[in-house]
N, C-alpha and C. Protein backbone atom coordinates (compact mmCIF):
# COMPACT_ATOMS: atom_id res chain seq x y z
N MET A 1 69.37 97.97 87.99
CA MET A 1 68.08 97.37 88.19
C MET A 1 67.24 98.35 89.02
N LYS A 2 66.06 98.60 88.59
CA LYS A 2 65.15 99.51 89.28
C LYS A 2 64.23 98.69 90.17
N SER A 3 64.02 99.17 91.40
CA SER A 3 63.16 98.41 92.31
C SER A 3 61.70 98.57 91.93
N ASN A 4 60.92 97.59 92.29
CA ASN A 4 59.49 97.61 92.04
C ASN A 4 58.84 98.41 93.16
N SER A 5 58.44 99.63 92.87
CA SER A 5 57.93 100.52 93.91
C SER A 5 56.62 100.04 94.53
N GLU A 6 55.88 99.18 93.84
CA GLU A 6 54.64 98.66 94.40
C GLU A 6 54.92 97.75 95.59
N ASN A 7 56.04 97.05 95.57
CA ASN A 7 56.36 96.09 96.63
C ASN A 7 57.38 96.63 97.63
N THR A 8 57.73 97.90 97.50
CA THR A 8 58.74 98.48 98.38
C THR A 8 58.07 99.38 99.40
N TYR A 9 58.39 99.15 100.65
CA TYR A 9 57.87 99.99 101.73
C TYR A 9 58.88 101.10 101.96
N ASN A 10 58.49 102.32 101.75
CA ASN A 10 59.40 103.46 101.88
C ASN A 10 59.30 104.04 103.28
N ILE A 11 60.36 103.98 104.02
CA ILE A 11 60.40 104.51 105.37
C ILE A 11 61.06 105.88 105.31
N PHE A 12 60.38 106.87 105.84
CA PHE A 12 60.91 108.23 105.82
C PHE A 12 61.79 108.44 107.04
N MET A 13 63.03 108.05 106.91
CA MET A 13 64.00 108.24 107.98
C MET A 13 65.20 108.98 107.44
N ASN A 14 65.96 109.55 108.32
CA ASN A 14 67.15 110.26 107.90
C ASN A 14 68.34 109.67 108.67
N PRO A 15 69.19 108.89 108.01
CA PRO A 15 70.31 108.27 108.71
C PRO A 15 71.33 109.29 109.21
N ILE A 16 71.27 110.52 108.72
CA ILE A 16 72.17 111.56 109.20
C ILE A 16 71.92 111.82 110.68
N ASP A 17 70.66 111.69 111.11
CA ASP A 17 70.35 111.84 112.53
C ASP A 17 71.07 110.78 113.36
N ASP A 18 71.08 109.54 112.87
CA ASP A 18 71.77 108.46 113.59
C ASP A 18 73.28 108.69 113.63
N ILE A 19 73.83 109.13 112.51
CA ILE A 19 75.27 109.42 112.45
C ILE A 19 75.61 110.54 113.43
N GLU A 20 74.77 111.56 113.48
CA GLU A 20 75.00 112.67 114.41
C GLU A 20 74.96 112.20 115.86
N ASP A 21 74.03 111.31 116.19
CA ASP A 21 73.94 110.77 117.55
C ASP A 21 75.22 110.02 117.94
N ILE A 22 75.74 109.20 117.03
CA ILE A 22 76.95 108.44 117.31
C ILE A 22 78.15 109.38 117.49
N ILE A 23 78.29 110.33 116.58
CA ILE A 23 79.40 111.29 116.67
C ILE A 23 79.33 112.06 117.98
N SER A 24 78.15 112.49 118.35
CA SER A 24 77.97 113.24 119.60
C SER A 24 78.29 112.39 120.82
N SER A 25 77.97 111.10 120.74
CA SER A 25 78.24 110.22 121.89
C SER A 25 79.75 110.08 122.16
N TYR A 26 80.57 110.34 121.15
CA TYR A 26 82.03 110.30 121.31
C TYR A 26 82.61 111.69 121.59
N ASP A 27 81.75 112.66 121.83
CA ASP A 27 82.15 114.05 122.11
C ASP A 27 83.02 114.64 120.99
N LEU A 28 82.70 114.28 119.76
CA LEU A 28 83.39 114.85 118.61
C LEU A 28 82.59 116.04 118.10
N GLN A 29 83.28 116.98 117.46
CA GLN A 29 82.63 118.18 116.95
C GLN A 29 81.97 117.89 115.60
N CYS A 30 80.72 118.28 115.49
CA CYS A 30 80.03 118.16 114.21
C CYS A 30 79.00 119.27 114.09
N SER A 31 78.60 119.52 112.87
CA SER A 31 77.58 120.53 112.63
C SER A 31 76.72 120.10 111.44
N ARG A 32 75.49 120.53 111.45
CA ARG A 32 74.57 120.23 110.35
C ARG A 32 74.56 121.44 109.42
N SER A 33 74.87 121.19 108.16
CA SER A 33 74.77 122.28 107.18
C SER A 33 73.35 122.36 106.64
N ASN A 34 72.65 121.24 106.64
CA ASN A 34 71.22 121.19 106.32
C ASN A 34 70.68 119.85 106.80
N TYR A 35 69.42 119.60 106.52
CA TYR A 35 68.76 118.39 107.01
C TYR A 35 69.42 117.11 106.50
N TYR A 36 70.03 117.18 105.32
CA TYR A 36 70.59 115.99 104.68
C TYR A 36 72.10 115.91 104.73
N GLU A 37 72.75 116.81 105.45
CA GLU A 37 74.22 116.80 105.48
C GLU A 37 74.75 117.13 106.87
N LEU A 38 75.82 116.44 107.22
CA LEU A 38 76.49 116.61 108.50
C LEU A 38 77.99 116.72 108.25
N ILE A 39 78.65 117.61 108.96
CA ILE A 39 80.09 117.78 108.84
C ILE A 39 80.73 117.40 110.17
N LEU A 40 81.66 116.45 110.14
CA LEU A 40 82.44 116.04 111.30
C LEU A 40 83.80 116.72 111.23
N ASN A 41 84.16 117.44 112.29
CA ASN A 41 85.51 118.01 112.40
C ASN A 41 86.33 117.06 113.25
N TYR A 42 87.40 116.54 112.66
CA TYR A 42 88.18 115.51 113.33
C TYR A 42 89.67 115.80 113.17
N ASN A 43 90.40 115.74 114.28
CA ASN A 43 91.85 115.91 114.24
C ASN A 43 92.50 114.56 114.00
N GLY A 44 92.93 114.33 112.77
CA GLY A 44 93.61 113.09 112.43
C GLY A 44 95.07 113.15 112.83
N LEU A 45 95.81 112.11 112.47
CA LEU A 45 97.23 112.07 112.79
C LEU A 45 98.02 113.15 112.06
N TRP A 46 97.65 113.44 110.80
CA TRP A 46 98.43 114.33 109.97
C TRP A 46 97.71 115.60 109.56
N ASN A 47 96.41 115.65 109.76
CA ASN A 47 95.64 116.77 109.25
C ASN A 47 94.32 116.87 110.02
N ASN A 48 93.73 118.05 109.99
CA ASN A 48 92.38 118.23 110.52
C ASN A 48 91.40 117.97 109.38
N TYR A 49 90.51 117.03 109.59
CA TYR A 49 89.59 116.61 108.55
C TYR A 49 88.21 117.21 108.77
N GLU A 50 87.56 117.52 107.67
CA GLU A 50 86.15 117.88 107.67
C GLU A 50 85.44 116.82 106.84
N VAL A 51 84.94 115.82 107.52
CA VAL A 51 84.29 114.69 106.86
C VAL A 51 82.80 115.01 106.73
N SER A 52 82.31 114.99 105.50
CA SER A 52 80.89 115.27 105.30
C SER A 52 80.13 113.97 105.04
N PHE A 53 78.94 113.90 105.60
CA PHE A 53 78.02 112.79 105.41
C PHE A 53 76.77 113.37 104.76
N SER A 54 76.45 112.90 103.57
CA SER A 54 75.28 113.39 102.84
C SER A 54 74.32 112.25 102.58
N TRP A 55 73.03 112.54 102.72
CA TRP A 55 71.99 111.54 102.52
C TRP A 55 71.17 111.92 101.30
N SER A 56 71.08 110.99 100.36
CA SER A 56 70.21 111.15 99.20
C SER A 56 69.06 110.16 99.35
N GLN A 57 67.93 110.64 99.82
CA GLN A 57 66.79 109.76 100.09
C GLN A 57 66.28 109.05 98.82
N PRO A 58 66.14 109.76 97.70
CA PRO A 58 65.63 109.05 96.51
C PRO A 58 66.52 107.89 96.06
N ARG A 59 67.82 108.06 96.26
CA ARG A 59 68.76 107.01 95.84
C ARG A 59 69.08 106.03 96.97
N GLY A 60 68.67 106.36 98.19
CA GLY A 60 68.97 105.49 99.33
C GLY A 60 70.46 105.40 99.58
N LEU A 61 71.17 106.52 99.43
CA LEU A 61 72.62 106.51 99.44
C LEU A 61 73.19 107.51 100.45
N ILE A 62 74.12 107.04 101.26
CA ILE A 62 74.89 107.91 102.13
C ILE A 62 76.26 108.08 101.49
N THR A 63 76.64 109.33 101.24
CA THR A 63 77.95 109.63 100.67
C THR A 63 78.80 110.27 101.75
N THR A 64 79.96 109.68 101.98
CA THR A 64 80.92 110.21 102.93
C THR A 64 82.09 110.76 102.14
N ASN A 65 82.44 112.00 102.41
CA ASN A 65 83.49 112.66 101.64
C ASN A 65 84.43 113.40 102.57
N ASN A 66 85.72 113.31 102.29
CA ASN A 66 86.72 114.07 103.04
C ASN A 66 87.69 114.70 102.05
N ASP A 67 87.70 116.01 102.02
CA ASP A 67 88.64 116.76 101.19
C ASP A 67 89.96 116.80 101.95
N LEU A 68 91.04 116.34 101.33
CA LEU A 68 92.33 116.29 102.01
C LEU A 68 93.05 117.64 102.04
N ASN A 69 92.51 118.63 101.36
CA ASN A 69 93.13 119.97 101.32
C ASN A 69 94.57 119.93 100.84
N ILE A 70 94.85 119.06 99.91
CA ILE A 70 96.16 119.00 99.28
C ILE A 70 95.97 119.43 97.83
N LYS A 71 96.44 120.61 97.51
CA LYS A 71 96.32 121.12 96.14
C LYS A 71 97.38 120.47 95.27
N ILE A 72 97.00 120.09 94.06
CA ILE A 72 97.91 119.41 93.14
C ILE A 72 98.22 120.35 91.98
N PRO A 73 99.50 120.67 91.77
CA PRO A 73 99.87 121.48 90.60
C PRO A 73 99.51 120.75 89.31
N LEU A 74 99.11 121.49 88.30
CA LEU A 74 98.68 120.88 87.03
C LEU A 74 99.71 119.94 86.43
N LEU A 75 100.99 120.27 86.57
CA LEU A 75 102.04 119.41 86.01
C LEU A 75 102.05 118.01 86.63
N LEU A 76 101.57 117.91 87.88
CA LEU A 76 101.63 116.63 88.59
C LEU A 76 100.34 115.80 88.47
N VAL A 77 99.32 116.34 87.81
CA VAL A 77 98.04 115.64 87.75
C VAL A 77 98.15 114.24 87.14
N PRO A 78 98.82 114.04 86.00
CA PRO A 78 98.90 112.67 85.47
C PRO A 78 99.57 111.68 86.44
N LYS A 79 100.63 112.13 87.10
CA LYS A 79 101.32 111.23 88.03
C LYS A 79 100.50 110.98 89.29
N ILE A 80 99.77 112.00 89.76
CA ILE A 80 98.96 111.80 90.97
C ILE A 80 97.80 110.85 90.66
N GLN A 81 97.30 110.88 89.43
CA GLN A 81 96.24 109.94 89.07
C GLN A 81 96.77 108.51 89.04
N THR A 82 98.02 108.34 88.63
CA THR A 82 98.64 107.02 88.69
C THR A 82 98.78 106.58 90.14
N MET A 83 99.21 107.49 90.99
CA MET A 83 99.37 107.17 92.41
C MET A 83 98.02 106.82 93.04
N ILE A 84 96.99 107.57 92.71
CA ILE A 84 95.65 107.29 93.24
C ILE A 84 95.21 105.88 92.82
N SER A 85 95.48 105.50 91.58
CA SER A 85 95.12 104.15 91.11
C SER A 85 95.85 103.08 91.91
N LEU A 86 97.14 103.30 92.16
CA LEU A 86 97.92 102.33 92.94
C LEU A 86 97.39 102.23 94.37
N ILE A 87 97.04 103.36 94.96
CA ILE A 87 96.52 103.37 96.33
C ILE A 87 95.16 102.67 96.37
N ASN A 88 94.28 103.00 95.42
CA ASN A 88 92.93 102.44 95.44
C ASN A 88 92.92 100.92 95.30
N GLU A 89 93.99 100.34 94.76
CA GLU A 89 94.08 98.87 94.69
C GLU A 89 94.16 98.25 96.08
N ASN A 90 94.57 99.06 97.07
CA ASN A 90 94.77 98.54 98.42
C ASN A 90 93.79 99.08 99.45
N VAL A 91 92.91 99.98 99.05
CA VAL A 91 91.95 100.55 99.99
C VAL A 91 90.80 99.56 100.16
N SER A 92 90.45 99.28 101.42
CA SER A 92 89.41 98.28 101.67
C SER A 92 88.00 98.83 101.48
N LEU A 93 87.74 100.04 101.93
CA LEU A 93 86.43 100.68 101.76
C LEU A 93 86.64 102.08 101.22
N GLY A 94 85.89 102.44 100.21
CA GLY A 94 85.99 103.78 99.66
C GLY A 94 87.08 103.89 98.62
N TYR A 95 87.36 105.14 98.22
CA TYR A 95 88.38 105.38 97.21
C TYR A 95 88.86 106.82 97.27
N PHE A 96 90.07 107.04 96.81
CA PHE A 96 90.62 108.39 96.67
C PHE A 96 90.35 108.88 95.27
N GLY A 97 90.28 110.18 95.12
CA GLY A 97 90.06 110.76 93.81
C GLY A 97 90.69 112.14 93.73
N TYR A 98 90.69 112.66 92.52
CA TYR A 98 91.21 114.00 92.27
C TYR A 98 90.09 114.84 91.67
N SER A 99 89.81 115.99 92.28
CA SER A 99 88.78 116.89 91.78
C SER A 99 89.39 117.87 90.79
N SER A 100 89.01 117.76 89.53
CA SER A 100 89.55 118.66 88.51
C SER A 100 89.01 120.08 88.70
N LYS A 101 87.84 120.22 89.28
CA LYS A 101 87.29 121.56 89.54
C LYS A 101 88.07 122.28 90.64
N ARG A 102 88.30 121.57 91.73
CA ARG A 102 88.94 122.20 92.89
C ARG A 102 90.45 121.97 92.93
N LYS A 103 90.96 121.13 92.04
CA LYS A 103 92.39 120.83 91.92
C LYS A 103 92.97 120.25 93.22
N CYS A 104 92.20 119.38 93.86
CA CYS A 104 92.68 118.79 95.11
C CYS A 104 92.22 117.34 95.24
N LEU A 105 92.76 116.67 96.24
CA LEU A 105 92.47 115.27 96.50
C LEU A 105 91.32 115.12 97.48
N TYR A 106 90.59 114.02 97.36
CA TYR A 106 89.51 113.72 98.29
C TYR A 106 89.44 112.22 98.52
N PHE A 107 88.74 111.84 99.58
CA PHE A 107 88.42 110.45 99.85
C PHE A 107 86.91 110.34 99.91
N ARG A 108 86.35 109.31 99.29
CA ARG A 108 84.90 109.15 99.26
C ARG A 108 84.53 107.69 99.51
N HIS A 109 83.42 107.53 100.20
CA HIS A 109 82.87 106.19 100.42
C HIS A 109 81.34 106.32 100.38
N ASN A 110 80.69 105.47 99.62
CA ASN A 110 79.23 105.48 99.50
C ASN A 110 78.66 104.22 100.11
N VAL A 111 77.51 104.37 100.77
CA VAL A 111 76.82 103.23 101.36
C VAL A 111 75.36 103.27 100.91
N SER A 112 74.93 102.20 100.27
CA SER A 112 73.53 102.09 99.88
C SER A 112 72.76 101.45 101.02
N ILE A 113 71.67 102.11 101.42
CA ILE A 113 70.86 101.54 102.50
C ILE A 113 69.40 101.38 102.06
N LYS A 114 69.21 101.22 100.76
CA LYS A 114 67.84 100.97 100.27
C LYS A 114 67.32 99.68 100.89
N GLY A 115 66.09 99.71 101.34
CA GLY A 115 65.46 98.52 101.90
C GLY A 115 65.88 98.22 103.32
N VAL A 116 66.65 99.10 103.94
CA VAL A 116 67.11 98.89 105.31
C VAL A 116 66.45 99.95 106.19
N ASN A 117 65.94 99.54 107.34
CA ASN A 117 65.27 100.50 108.22
C ASN A 117 66.23 101.51 108.83
N ASN A 118 67.39 101.04 109.25
CA ASN A 118 68.38 101.95 109.82
C ASN A 118 69.74 101.26 109.85
N LEU A 119 70.77 102.04 110.11
CA LEU A 119 72.12 101.50 110.23
C LEU A 119 72.39 101.13 111.68
N ALA A 120 73.12 100.05 111.88
CA ALA A 120 73.53 99.67 113.23
C ALA A 120 74.63 100.62 113.70
N THR A 121 74.74 100.77 114.99
CA THR A 121 75.78 101.62 115.57
C THR A 121 77.15 101.21 115.06
N GLU A 122 77.41 99.91 114.99
CA GLU A 122 78.70 99.41 114.53
C GLU A 122 78.98 99.79 113.09
N GLN A 123 77.94 99.81 112.26
CA GLN A 123 78.12 100.20 110.86
C GLN A 123 78.51 101.67 110.75
N ILE A 124 77.89 102.51 111.55
CA ILE A 124 78.23 103.94 111.54
C ILE A 124 79.64 104.15 112.05
N GLU A 125 79.99 103.46 113.13
CA GLU A 125 81.35 103.57 113.67
C GLU A 125 82.38 103.10 112.64
N ASP A 126 82.09 101.98 111.96
CA ASP A 126 83.01 101.47 110.93
C ASP A 126 83.14 102.45 109.77
N LEU A 127 82.06 103.08 109.40
CA LEU A 127 82.09 104.06 108.32
C LEU A 127 83.02 105.21 108.67
N ILE A 128 82.87 105.74 109.86
CA ILE A 128 83.72 106.86 110.31
C ILE A 128 85.17 106.40 110.43
N ASP A 129 85.37 105.24 111.06
CA ASP A 129 86.73 104.71 111.24
C ASP A 129 87.43 104.47 109.91
N ALA A 130 86.71 103.96 108.93
CA ALA A 130 87.32 103.67 107.62
C ALA A 130 87.81 104.94 106.96
N VAL A 131 87.03 106.00 107.00
CA VAL A 131 87.43 107.27 106.38
C VAL A 131 88.68 107.80 107.06
N ILE A 132 88.67 107.85 108.38
CA ILE A 132 89.80 108.40 109.13
C ILE A 132 91.04 107.54 108.93
N TYR A 133 90.88 106.22 109.02
CA TYR A 133 92.02 105.31 108.86
C TYR A 133 92.69 105.47 107.49
N GLU A 134 91.89 105.43 106.43
CA GLU A 134 92.47 105.52 105.08
C GLU A 134 93.12 106.88 104.84
N CYS A 135 92.50 107.94 105.30
CA CYS A 135 93.08 109.28 105.11
C CYS A 135 94.38 109.42 105.90
N ASP A 136 94.38 108.96 107.15
CA ASP A 136 95.62 109.03 107.95
C ASP A 136 96.72 108.16 107.36
N LYS A 137 96.35 107.01 106.82
CA LYS A 137 97.35 106.09 106.26
C LYS A 137 98.03 106.68 105.03
N TYR A 138 97.27 107.32 104.14
CA TYR A 138 97.82 107.76 102.86
C TYR A 138 98.15 109.25 102.78
N PHE A 139 97.76 110.03 103.77
CA PHE A 139 98.05 111.47 103.75
C PHE A 139 99.55 111.74 103.61
N PRO A 140 100.42 111.07 104.39
CA PRO A 140 101.86 111.33 104.24
C PRO A 140 102.38 111.01 102.84
N ALA A 141 101.81 109.99 102.21
CA ALA A 141 102.25 109.64 100.85
C ALA A 141 101.92 110.78 99.88
N PHE A 142 100.73 111.33 99.99
CA PHE A 142 100.35 112.44 99.12
C PHE A 142 101.24 113.66 99.38
N GLN A 143 101.53 113.94 100.64
CA GLN A 143 102.38 115.07 100.99
C GLN A 143 103.79 114.89 100.41
N LEU A 144 104.36 113.72 100.61
CA LEU A 144 105.70 113.43 100.09
C LEU A 144 105.71 113.55 98.57
N PHE A 145 104.67 113.05 97.93
CA PHE A 145 104.58 113.11 96.48
C PHE A 145 104.59 114.56 96.00
N VAL A 146 103.76 115.40 96.58
CA VAL A 146 103.61 116.78 96.12
C VAL A 146 104.83 117.63 96.45
N HIS A 147 105.41 117.45 97.64
CA HIS A 147 106.45 118.36 98.11
C HIS A 147 107.88 117.88 97.93
N LYS A 148 108.09 116.59 97.67
CA LYS A 148 109.47 116.09 97.57
C LYS A 148 109.73 115.27 96.32
N LYS A 149 109.14 114.12 96.28
CA LYS A 149 109.46 113.12 95.26
C LYS A 149 108.21 112.81 94.46
N ASN A 150 108.22 113.13 93.18
CA ASN A 150 107.04 112.95 92.34
C ASN A 150 106.99 111.59 91.65
N ASP A 151 107.43 110.57 92.34
CA ASP A 151 107.43 109.22 91.80
C ASP A 151 106.47 108.37 92.64
N PRO A 152 105.28 108.03 92.11
CA PRO A 152 104.27 107.31 92.90
C PRO A 152 104.76 106.01 93.53
N GLU A 153 105.46 105.19 92.77
CA GLU A 153 105.90 103.90 93.31
C GLU A 153 106.93 104.08 94.42
N TYR A 154 107.86 105.01 94.24
CA TYR A 154 108.86 105.28 95.28
C TYR A 154 108.18 105.78 96.55
N VAL A 155 107.26 106.71 96.40
CA VAL A 155 106.57 107.30 97.55
C VAL A 155 105.82 106.22 98.33
N LEU A 156 105.10 105.37 97.63
CA LEU A 156 104.31 104.35 98.32
C LEU A 156 105.19 103.33 99.03
N LYS A 157 106.30 102.95 98.41
CA LYS A 157 107.22 102.01 99.07
C LYS A 157 107.84 102.64 100.30
N THR A 158 108.14 103.92 100.23
CA THR A 158 108.80 104.61 101.34
C THR A 158 107.84 104.88 102.50
N VAL A 159 106.69 105.42 102.20
CA VAL A 159 105.76 105.84 103.26
C VAL A 159 105.03 104.67 103.88
N LEU A 160 104.73 103.65 103.10
CA LEU A 160 103.96 102.53 103.61
C LEU A 160 104.83 101.39 104.09
N LEU A 161 106.04 101.69 104.44
CA LEU A 161 106.96 100.70 104.96
C LEU A 161 106.40 100.10 106.26
N GLU A 162 106.20 98.82 106.27
CA GLU A 162 105.67 98.13 107.45
C GLU A 162 106.84 97.81 108.38
N THR A 163 106.67 98.17 109.65
CA THR A 163 107.72 97.88 110.63
C THR A 163 107.33 96.65 111.46
N LEU A 164 108.33 95.95 111.92
CA LEU A 164 108.12 94.77 112.76
C LEU A 164 108.79 94.99 114.10
N GLY A 165 108.17 94.51 115.13
CA GLY A 165 108.75 94.61 116.47
C GLY A 165 108.59 95.98 117.09
N GLU A 166 109.31 96.18 118.21
CA GLU A 166 109.23 97.44 118.94
C GLU A 166 110.63 97.97 119.16
N ALA A 167 110.73 99.27 119.24
CA ALA A 167 112.03 99.90 119.48
C ALA A 167 112.26 100.10 120.95
């Protein structure tokens, strides 16, 4: 559905500025590659992430992307796509994918903010937290899949084992 531009008030804002302010308030490292893109450098549990935030003003869309830097051998592509499908059934925000150009895995989450003046601090924090949480949760599964056991169901049952109690 296309919006009626006669009745839409277009506010010239850049949500990347707000995201940068929040990231900076937590003393996290980030850099601007251009006016519409921000890169967050974050040390996750299993990997150092470079999470990019891109703003498309015409579409009113913020795209958050994290390349997991896990290269997938061509022989494993069909099985990794099965594993990605199984994982995406359980991801609450965003999705994992496989880049055929770069031959690696990524995590992406898009947020439409058309008709909204700005994002709340909590929304920005949740956006960042969701990317980091999902990548940290599934990174070991992807590693185990590529380097040890190429069976998606086995890997997910093994890595995502929920523990109860304390040791």
